[in-house]
N, C-alpha and C. Protein backbone atom coordinates (compact mmCIF):
# COMPACT_ATOMS: atom_id res chain seq x y z
N MET A 1 87.41 139.78 125.92
CA MET A 1 87.08 138.88 124.82
C MET A 1 88.36 138.57 124.04
N SER A 2 88.62 137.29 123.84
CA SER A 2 89.81 136.91 123.09
C SER A 2 89.43 136.42 121.70
N THR A 3 90.34 136.56 120.79
CA THR A 3 90.12 136.13 119.41
C THR A 3 91.10 135.01 119.09
N LEU A 4 90.60 133.94 118.54
CA LEU A 4 91.44 132.82 118.15
C LEU A 4 91.72 132.92 116.66
N ILE A 5 92.97 132.98 116.31
CA ILE A 5 93.36 133.05 114.90
C ILE A 5 94.14 131.79 114.58
N ALA A 6 93.65 131.04 113.63
CA ALA A 6 94.32 129.80 113.22
C ALA A 6 95.48 130.13 112.31
N SER A 7 96.60 129.51 112.55
CA SER A 7 97.75 129.71 111.67
C SER A 7 97.60 128.82 110.45
N PRO A 8 98.23 129.21 109.33
CA PRO A 8 98.15 128.36 108.13
C PRO A 8 98.66 126.95 108.38
N GLU A 9 99.64 126.82 109.29
CA GLU A 9 100.20 125.51 109.58
C GLU A 9 99.18 124.57 110.22
N SER A 10 98.20 125.13 110.93
CA SER A 10 97.22 124.28 111.59
C SER A 10 96.29 123.60 110.59
N HIS A 11 96.26 124.08 109.36
CA HIS A 11 95.41 123.49 108.33
C HIS A 11 96.21 122.64 107.34
N PHE A 12 97.49 122.49 107.59
CA PHE A 12 98.36 121.74 106.68
C PHE A 12 98.12 120.25 106.83
N LEU A 13 97.92 119.60 105.72
CA LEU A 13 97.69 118.17 105.69
C LEU A 13 99.03 117.49 105.42
N SER A 14 99.54 116.77 106.40
CA SER A 14 100.80 116.07 106.22
C SER A 14 100.56 114.58 106.05
N LEU A 15 100.98 114.09 104.92
CA LEU A 15 100.85 112.66 104.62
C LEU A 15 102.22 112.01 104.50
N LYS A 16 103.22 112.61 105.12
CA LYS A 16 104.61 112.21 104.97
C LYS A 16 104.85 110.72 105.15
N ASN A 17 104.23 110.11 106.11
CA ASN A 17 104.49 108.70 106.40
C ASN A 17 103.40 107.75 105.92
N PHE A 18 102.57 108.23 104.97
CA PHE A 18 101.46 107.42 104.50
C PHE A 18 101.59 107.06 103.03
N SER A 19 101.15 105.86 102.72
CA SER A 19 101.01 105.46 101.31
C SER A 19 99.52 105.41 101.00
N ILE A 20 99.16 105.93 99.82
CA ILE A 20 97.75 106.06 99.45
C ILE A 20 97.51 105.43 98.10
N LEU A 21 96.47 104.62 98.01
CA LEU A 21 96.03 104.06 96.73
C LEU A 21 94.84 104.87 96.27
N CYS A 22 94.96 105.47 95.10
CA CYS A 22 93.90 106.30 94.52
C CYS A 22 93.32 105.55 93.32
N VAL A 23 92.06 105.13 93.44
CA VAL A 23 91.41 104.33 92.40
C VAL A 23 90.26 105.14 91.81
N GLU A 24 90.41 105.55 90.56
CA GLU A 24 89.43 106.42 89.91
C GLU A 24 89.54 106.24 88.41
N ASP A 25 88.41 106.01 87.73
CA ASP A 25 88.46 105.79 86.29
C ASP A 25 88.59 107.08 85.49
N SER A 26 88.24 108.22 86.05
CA SER A 26 88.42 109.50 85.36
C SER A 26 89.88 109.93 85.52
N GLU A 27 90.60 109.96 84.42
CA GLU A 27 92.03 110.29 84.46
C GLU A 27 92.26 111.68 85.04
N ILE A 28 91.44 112.63 84.69
CA ILE A 28 91.61 114.01 85.17
C ILE A 28 91.45 114.06 86.69
N ILE A 29 90.40 113.47 87.20
CA ILE A 29 90.17 113.48 88.65
C ILE A 29 91.26 112.71 89.37
N ARG A 30 91.64 111.55 88.82
CA ARG A 30 92.67 110.71 89.45
C ARG A 30 93.99 111.46 89.56
N HIS A 31 94.40 112.12 88.47
CA HIS A 31 95.68 112.85 88.49
C HIS A 31 95.61 114.07 89.41
N PHE A 32 94.47 114.76 89.43
CA PHE A 32 94.30 115.91 90.32
C PHE A 32 94.44 115.47 91.77
N LEU A 33 93.73 114.42 92.15
CA LEU A 33 93.77 113.91 93.51
C LEU A 33 95.16 113.38 93.87
N ALA A 34 95.76 112.62 92.98
CA ALA A 34 97.09 112.07 93.24
C ALA A 34 98.13 113.18 93.39
N ASP A 35 98.02 114.22 92.58
CA ASP A 35 98.95 115.35 92.67
C ASP A 35 98.80 116.05 94.02
N PHE A 36 97.56 116.28 94.44
CA PHE A 36 97.30 116.91 95.74
C PHE A 36 97.91 116.07 96.87
N LEU A 37 97.65 114.78 96.85
CA LEU A 37 98.15 113.89 97.90
C LEU A 37 99.68 113.84 97.90
N HIS A 38 100.26 113.79 96.71
CA HIS A 38 101.72 113.74 96.59
C HIS A 38 102.35 115.04 97.09
N ARG A 39 101.76 116.19 96.74
CA ARG A 39 102.29 117.49 97.19
C ARG A 39 102.25 117.61 98.71
N ASN A 40 101.38 116.86 99.35
CA ASN A 40 101.30 116.89 100.80
C ASN A 40 102.09 115.76 101.46
N GLY A 41 102.98 115.15 100.69
CA GLY A 41 103.95 114.21 101.25
C GLY A 41 103.64 112.74 101.12
N GLY A 42 102.49 112.39 100.59
CA GLY A 42 102.12 110.99 100.49
C GLY A 42 102.81 110.26 99.35
N THR A 43 102.98 108.96 99.53
CA THR A 43 103.41 108.09 98.44
C THR A 43 102.13 107.59 97.80
N VAL A 44 101.93 107.90 96.52
CA VAL A 44 100.65 107.65 95.87
C VAL A 44 100.78 106.60 94.79
N PHE A 45 99.85 105.64 94.81
CA PHE A 45 99.73 104.63 93.77
C PHE A 45 98.40 104.89 93.06
N GLU A 46 98.39 104.87 91.73
CA GLU A 46 97.19 105.17 90.97
C GLU A 46 96.70 103.95 90.19
N ALA A 47 95.37 103.79 90.19
CA ALA A 47 94.74 102.72 89.42
C ALA A 47 93.50 103.29 88.75
N GLU A 48 93.19 102.80 87.54
CA GLU A 48 92.03 103.34 86.81
C GLU A 48 90.77 102.50 86.95
N ASN A 49 90.87 101.38 87.67
CA ASN A 49 89.67 100.58 87.94
C ASN A 49 89.95 99.68 89.15
N GLY A 50 88.90 99.04 89.63
CA GLY A 50 89.03 98.20 90.81
C GLY A 50 89.97 97.03 90.65
N LYS A 51 90.02 96.47 89.45
CA LYS A 51 90.92 95.34 89.20
C LYS A 51 92.37 95.76 89.37
N GLN A 52 92.73 96.90 88.76
CA GLN A 52 94.10 97.41 88.92
C GLN A 52 94.35 97.82 90.38
N GLY A 53 93.32 98.40 91.01
CA GLY A 53 93.45 98.80 92.40
C GLY A 53 93.74 97.61 93.31
N LEU A 54 93.06 96.50 93.07
CA LEU A 54 93.29 95.29 93.86
C LEU A 54 94.71 94.76 93.66
N GLU A 55 95.18 94.81 92.42
CA GLU A 55 96.55 94.37 92.13
C GLU A 55 97.57 95.25 92.86
N LEU A 56 97.36 96.60 92.82
CA LEU A 56 98.28 97.51 93.50
C LEU A 56 98.19 97.36 95.02
N TYR A 57 96.98 97.11 95.52
CA TYR A 57 96.83 96.88 96.96
C TYR A 57 97.63 95.65 97.39
N THR A 58 97.51 94.58 96.64
CA THR A 58 98.21 93.34 96.96
C THR A 58 99.72 93.56 96.94
N GLU A 59 100.19 94.34 95.98
CA GLU A 59 101.63 94.58 95.83
C GLU A 59 102.18 95.53 96.89
N HIS A 60 101.45 96.60 97.24
CA HIS A 60 102.00 97.67 98.08
C HIS A 60 101.39 97.79 99.48
N GLN A 61 100.22 97.19 99.73
CA GLN A 61 99.55 97.29 101.04
C GLN A 61 99.52 98.73 101.56
N PRO A 62 98.88 99.66 100.83
CA PRO A 62 98.87 101.07 101.24
C PRO A 62 98.12 101.28 102.56
N ASP A 63 98.43 102.41 103.20
CA ASP A 63 97.78 102.77 104.46
C ASP A 63 96.36 103.27 104.26
N ILE A 64 96.13 103.96 103.14
CA ILE A 64 94.84 104.59 102.85
C ILE A 64 94.41 104.22 101.44
N ILE A 65 93.12 103.97 101.25
CA ILE A 65 92.56 103.73 99.92
C ILE A 65 91.45 104.75 99.69
N ILE A 66 91.55 105.47 98.57
CA ILE A 66 90.50 106.39 98.14
C ILE A 66 90.01 105.84 96.81
N SER A 67 88.71 105.53 96.75
CA SER A 67 88.20 104.85 95.56
C SER A 67 86.87 105.41 95.10
N ASP A 68 86.71 105.45 93.79
CA ASP A 68 85.43 105.70 93.17
C ASP A 68 84.59 104.44 93.39
N VAL A 69 83.29 104.55 93.19
CA VAL A 69 82.42 103.39 93.35
C VAL A 69 82.15 102.71 92.01
N CYS A 70 81.68 103.47 91.04
CA CYS A 70 81.32 102.91 89.72
C CYS A 70 82.49 103.03 88.75
N MET A 71 83.07 101.89 88.39
CA MET A 71 84.20 101.85 87.46
C MET A 71 84.09 100.61 86.60
N PRO A 72 84.74 100.62 85.43
CA PRO A 72 84.71 99.42 84.59
C PRO A 72 85.56 98.29 85.18
N PHE A 73 85.28 97.08 84.76
CA PHE A 73 86.00 95.85 85.13
C PHE A 73 85.73 95.38 86.55
N MET A 74 85.85 96.29 87.53
CA MET A 74 85.56 95.96 88.92
C MET A 74 85.21 97.25 89.65
N SER A 75 84.08 97.26 90.35
CA SER A 75 83.67 98.46 91.07
C SER A 75 84.53 98.65 92.32
N GLY A 76 84.48 99.85 92.87
CA GLY A 76 85.19 100.12 94.11
C GLY A 76 84.66 99.28 95.26
N ILE A 77 83.36 99.03 95.27
CA ILE A 77 82.76 98.20 96.31
C ILE A 77 83.27 96.76 96.22
N ASP A 78 83.30 96.20 95.00
CA ASP A 78 83.82 94.82 94.84
C ASP A 78 85.29 94.75 95.19
N MET A 79 86.04 95.81 94.86
CA MET A 79 87.46 95.84 95.20
C MET A 79 87.62 95.80 96.72
N CYS A 80 86.85 96.62 97.43
CA CYS A 80 86.94 96.66 98.89
C CYS A 80 86.53 95.33 99.51
N ARG A 81 85.52 94.69 98.94
CA ARG A 81 85.11 93.37 99.46
C ARG A 81 86.23 92.35 99.29
N SER A 82 86.95 92.45 98.18
CA SER A 82 88.05 91.52 97.91
C SER A 82 89.24 91.76 98.85
N ILE A 83 89.41 92.99 99.23
CA ILE A 83 90.51 93.32 100.15
C ILE A 83 90.18 92.79 101.53
């Protein structure tokens, strides 16, 4: 019987070559998520609502978008439809 032991490196999330747009109206959650993504190598753009998210998307064309759904000014769903 063999035992498989996962190394810590196998669980490492590398975002070195990715740009991420983080759209969240809660400042605490947005900064927590952005900090996590940045510590794992990602280039992170932050927006507090869908309208700002759409503007940042147009300017930077990120590889990944992480968005809340219910936000003021423009929802995450409307932002995604516009993209």
